């Protein structure tokens, strides 16, 4: 909710706490943390969180595109291209793909 309202710093703090909780074994909190970190420009933290979301079984079609965005920000363009292909194959929202490309 906070992220949707544009309160990125507050969302980051809450999501960091949520991912430390044993009550958040799923990838959703990690995915949201990755999105918030990416919006704030913390590409390294975003990539770590998004990889954790992936490891925890997140099924979001947007996940590969978000990983690609973090990789681009970190200068990992070849890896990002692979993730964009995965995003397309998963049916990611074209608007997300355009924003990353």
C-alpha atoms as a PDB file:
ATOM      1  CA  UNK A   1       0.000   0.000   0.000  1.00  0.00           C
ATOM      2  CA  UNK A   2       2.744   2.461   0.956  1.00  0.00           C
ATOM      3  CA  UNK A   3       4.622   1.792  -2.271  1.00  0.00           C
ATOM      4  CA  UNK A   4       1.456   2.421  -4.291  1.00  0.00           C
ATOM      5  CA  UNK A   5       0.995   5.732  -2.496  1.00  0.00           C
ATOM      6  CA  UNK A   6       4.502   6.827  -3.408  1.00  0.00           C
ATOM      7  CA  UNK A   7       5.845   6.493   0.135  1.00  0.00           C
ATOM      8  CA  UNK A   8       8.889   4.582  -1.075  1.00  0.00           C
ATOM      9  CA  UNK A   9      11.129   5.169   1.949  1.00  0.00           C
ATOM     10  CA  UNK A  10       8.411   4.034   4.359  1.00  0.00           C
ATOM     11  CA  UNK A  11       7.637   1.042   2.164  1.00  0.00           C
ATOM     12  CA  UNK A  12      11.305   0.065   2.110  1.00  0.00           C
ATOM     13  CA  UNK A  13      11.506   0.138   5.895  1.00  0.00           C
ATOM     14  CA  UNK A  14       8.349  -1.955   6.308  1.00  0.00           C
ATOM     15  CA  UNK A  15       9.353  -4.448   3.635  1.00  0.00           C
ATOM     16  CA  UNK A  16      12.829  -4.875   5.095  1.00  0.00           C
ATOM     17  CA  UNK A  17      11.214  -5.751   8.432  1.00  0.00           C
ATOM     18  CA  UNK A  18       8.738  -8.091   6.731  1.00  0.00           C
ATOM     19  CA  UNK A  19      11.471 -10.054   4.972  1.00  0.00           C
ATOM     20  CA  UNK A  20      13.225 -10.615   8.297  1.00  0.00           C
ATOM     21  CA  UNK A  21      10.092 -12.179   9.728  1.00  0.00           C
ATOM     22  CA  UNK A  22       9.572 -15.914   9.648  1.00  0.00           C
ATOM     23  CA  UNK A  23       5.995 -15.090   8.714  1.00  0.00           C
ATOM     24  CA  UNK A  24       7.135 -14.121   5.198  1.00  0.00           C
ATOM     25  CA  UNK A  25       8.404 -17.378   3.699  1.00  0.00           C
ATOM     26  CA  UNK A  26       6.850 -16.620   0.330  1.00  0.00           C
ATOM     27  CA  UNK A  27       8.404 -14.515  -2.373  1.00  0.00           C
ATOM     28  CA  UNK A  28       5.811 -11.710  -2.283  1.00  0.00           C
ATOM     29  CA  UNK A  29       7.509  -9.614   0.403  1.00  0.00           C
ATOM     30  CA  UNK A  30      10.853 -10.062  -1.347  1.00  0.00           C
ATOM     31  CA  UNK A  31       9.328  -9.085  -4.692  1.00  0.00           C
ATOM     32  CA  UNK A  32       7.822  -5.946  -3.175  1.00  0.00           C
ATOM     33  CA  UNK A  33      11.126  -5.106  -1.464  1.00  0.00           C
ATOM     34  CA  UNK A  34      12.906  -5.488  -4.799  1.00  0.00           C
ATOM     35  CA  UNK A  35      10.419  -3.187  -6.495  1.00  0.00           C
ATOM     36  CA  UNK A  36      10.741  -0.546  -3.775  1.00  0.00           C
ATOM     37  CA  UNK A  37      14.539  -0.709  -3.760  1.00  0.00           C
ATOM     38  CA  UNK A  38      14.581  -0.416  -7.538  1.00  0.00           C
ATOM     39  CA  UNK A  39      12.304   2.637  -7.443  1.00  0.00           C
ATOM     40  CA  UNK A  40      14.630   4.234  -4.906  1.00  0.00           C
ATOM     41  CA  UNK A  41      17.716   3.514  -7.013  1.00  0.00           C
ATOM     42  CA  UNK A  42      19.175   0.776  -4.812  1.00  0.00           C
ATOM     43  CA  UNK A  43      19.910  -1.632  -7.653  1.00  0.00           C
ATOM     44  CA  UNK A  44      22.132  -3.991  -5.671  1.00  0.00           C
ATOM     45  CA  UNK A  45      19.592  -4.407  -2.889  1.00  0.00           C
ATOM     46  CA  UNK A  46      16.837  -4.738  -5.483  1.00  0.00           C
ATOM     47  CA  UNK A  47      18.634  -7.519  -7.324  1.00  0.00           C
ATOM     48  CA  UNK A  48      19.325  -9.426  -4.099  1.00  0.00           C
ATOM     49  CA  UNK A  49      15.672  -9.153  -3.041  1.00  0.00           C
ATOM     50  CA  UNK A  50      14.361 -10.129  -6.465  1.00  0.00           C
ATOM     51  CA  UNK A  51      16.669 -13.154  -6.598  1.00  0.00           C
ATOM     52  CA  UNK A  52      15.371 -14.154  -3.179  1.00  0.00           C
ATOM     53  CA  UNK A  53      11.793 -13.795  -4.440  1.00  0.00           C
ATOM     54  CA  UNK A  54      12.729 -16.055  -7.327  1.00  0.00           C
ATOM     55  CA  UNK A  55      14.358 -18.567  -4.970  1.00  0.00           C
ATOM     56  CA  UNK A  56      11.234 -18.591  -2.814  1.00  0.00           C
ATOM     57  CA  UNK A  57       9.048 -19.454  -5.775  1.00  0.00           C
ATOM     58  CA  UNK A  58       7.547 -16.141  -6.875  1.00  0.00           C
ATOM     59  CA  UNK A  59       5.428 -16.749  -9.950  1.00  0.00           C
ATOM     60  CA  UNK A  60       5.148 -13.096 -10.984  1.00  0.00           C
ATOM     61  CA  UNK A  61       5.453 -12.614 -14.725  1.00  0.00           C
ATOM     62  CA  UNK A  62       7.028  -9.220 -13.951  1.00  0.00           C
ATOM     63  CA  UNK A  63       9.870 -10.719 -11.896  1.00  0.00           C
ATOM     64  CA  UNK A  64      12.288 -11.305 -14.806  1.00  0.00           C
ATOM     65  CA  UNK A  65      11.679  -7.758 -16.095  1.00  0.00           C
ATOM     66  CA  UNK A  66      12.387  -6.327 -12.651  1.00  0.00           C
ATOM     67  CA  UNK A  67      15.551  -8.407 -12.399  1.00  0.00           C
ATOM     68  CA  UNK A  68      16.542  -7.075 -15.835  1.00  0.00           C
ATOM     69  CA  UNK A  69      15.980  -3.489 -14.691  1.00  0.00           C
ATOM     70  CA  UNK A  70      18.238  -4.039 -11.685  1.00  0.00           C
ATOM     71  CA  UNK A  71      20.860  -5.704 -13.867  1.00  0.00           C
ATOM     72  CA  UNK A  72      20.808  -2.807 -16.334  1.00  0.00           C
ATOM     73  CA  UNK A  73      21.295  -0.361 -13.474  1.00  0.00           C
ATOM     74  CA  UNK A  74      24.299  -2.427 -12.377  1.00  0.00           C
ATOM     75  CA  UNK A  75      25.735  -2.533 -15.916  1.00  0.00           C
ATOM     76  CA  UNK A  76      24.958  -6.235 -16.468  1.00  0.00           C
ATOM     77  CA  UNK A  77      23.407  -5.794 -19.917  1.00  0.00           C
ATOM     78  CA  UNK A  78      23.935  -9.318 -21.303  1.00  0.00           C
ATOM     79  CA  UNK A  79      22.288 -10.906 -18.273  1.00  0.00           C
ATOM     80  CA  UNK A  80      19.483  -8.344 -18.506  1.00  0.00           C
ATOM     81  CA  UNK A  81      18.734  -9.336 -22.106  1.00  0.00           C
ATOM     82  CA  UNK A  82      18.268 -12.942 -21.000  1.00  0.00           C
ATOM     83  CA  UNK A  83      15.878 -11.843 -18.262  1.00  0.00           C
ATOM     84  CA  UNK A  84      13.872  -9.740 -20.721  1.00  0.00           C
ATOM     85  CA  UNK A  85      13.431 -12.812 -22.919  1.00  0.00           C
ATOM     86  CA  UNK A  86      12.207 -14.739 -19.875  1.00  0.00           C
ATOM     87  CA  UNK A  87       9.806 -11.894 -19.084  1.00  0.00           C
ATOM     88  CA  UNK A  88       8.372 -11.954 -22.602  1.00  0.00           C
ATOM     89  CA  UNK A  89       7.963 -15.727 -22.470  1.00  0.00           C
ATOM     90  CA  UNK A  90       6.222 -15.426 -19.081  1.00  0.00           C
ATOM     91  CA  UNK A  91       3.752 -12.887 -20.465  1.00  0.00           C
ATOM     92  CA  UNK A  92       5.012  -9.822 -18.630  1.00  0.00           C
ATOM     93  CA  UNK A  93       3.091  -6.587 -19.088  1.00  0.00           C
ATOM     94  CA  UNK A  94       4.429  -4.883 -22.250  1.00  0.00           C
ATOM     95  CA  UNK A  95       4.541  -1.548 -20.420  1.00  0.00           C
ATOM     96  CA  UNK A  96       6.974  -3.039 -17.918  1.00  0.00           C
ATOM     97  CA  UNK A  97       9.105  -4.415 -20.724  1.00  0.00           C
ATOM     98  CA  UNK A  98       9.191  -1.049 -22.499  1.00  0.00           C
ATOM     99  CA  UNK A  99      10.190   0.722 -19.299  1.00  0.00           C
ATOM    100  CA  UNK A 100      13.130  -1.654 -18.888  1.00  0.00           C
ATOM    101  CA  UNK A 101      14.241  -1.655 -22.513  1.00  0.00           C
END
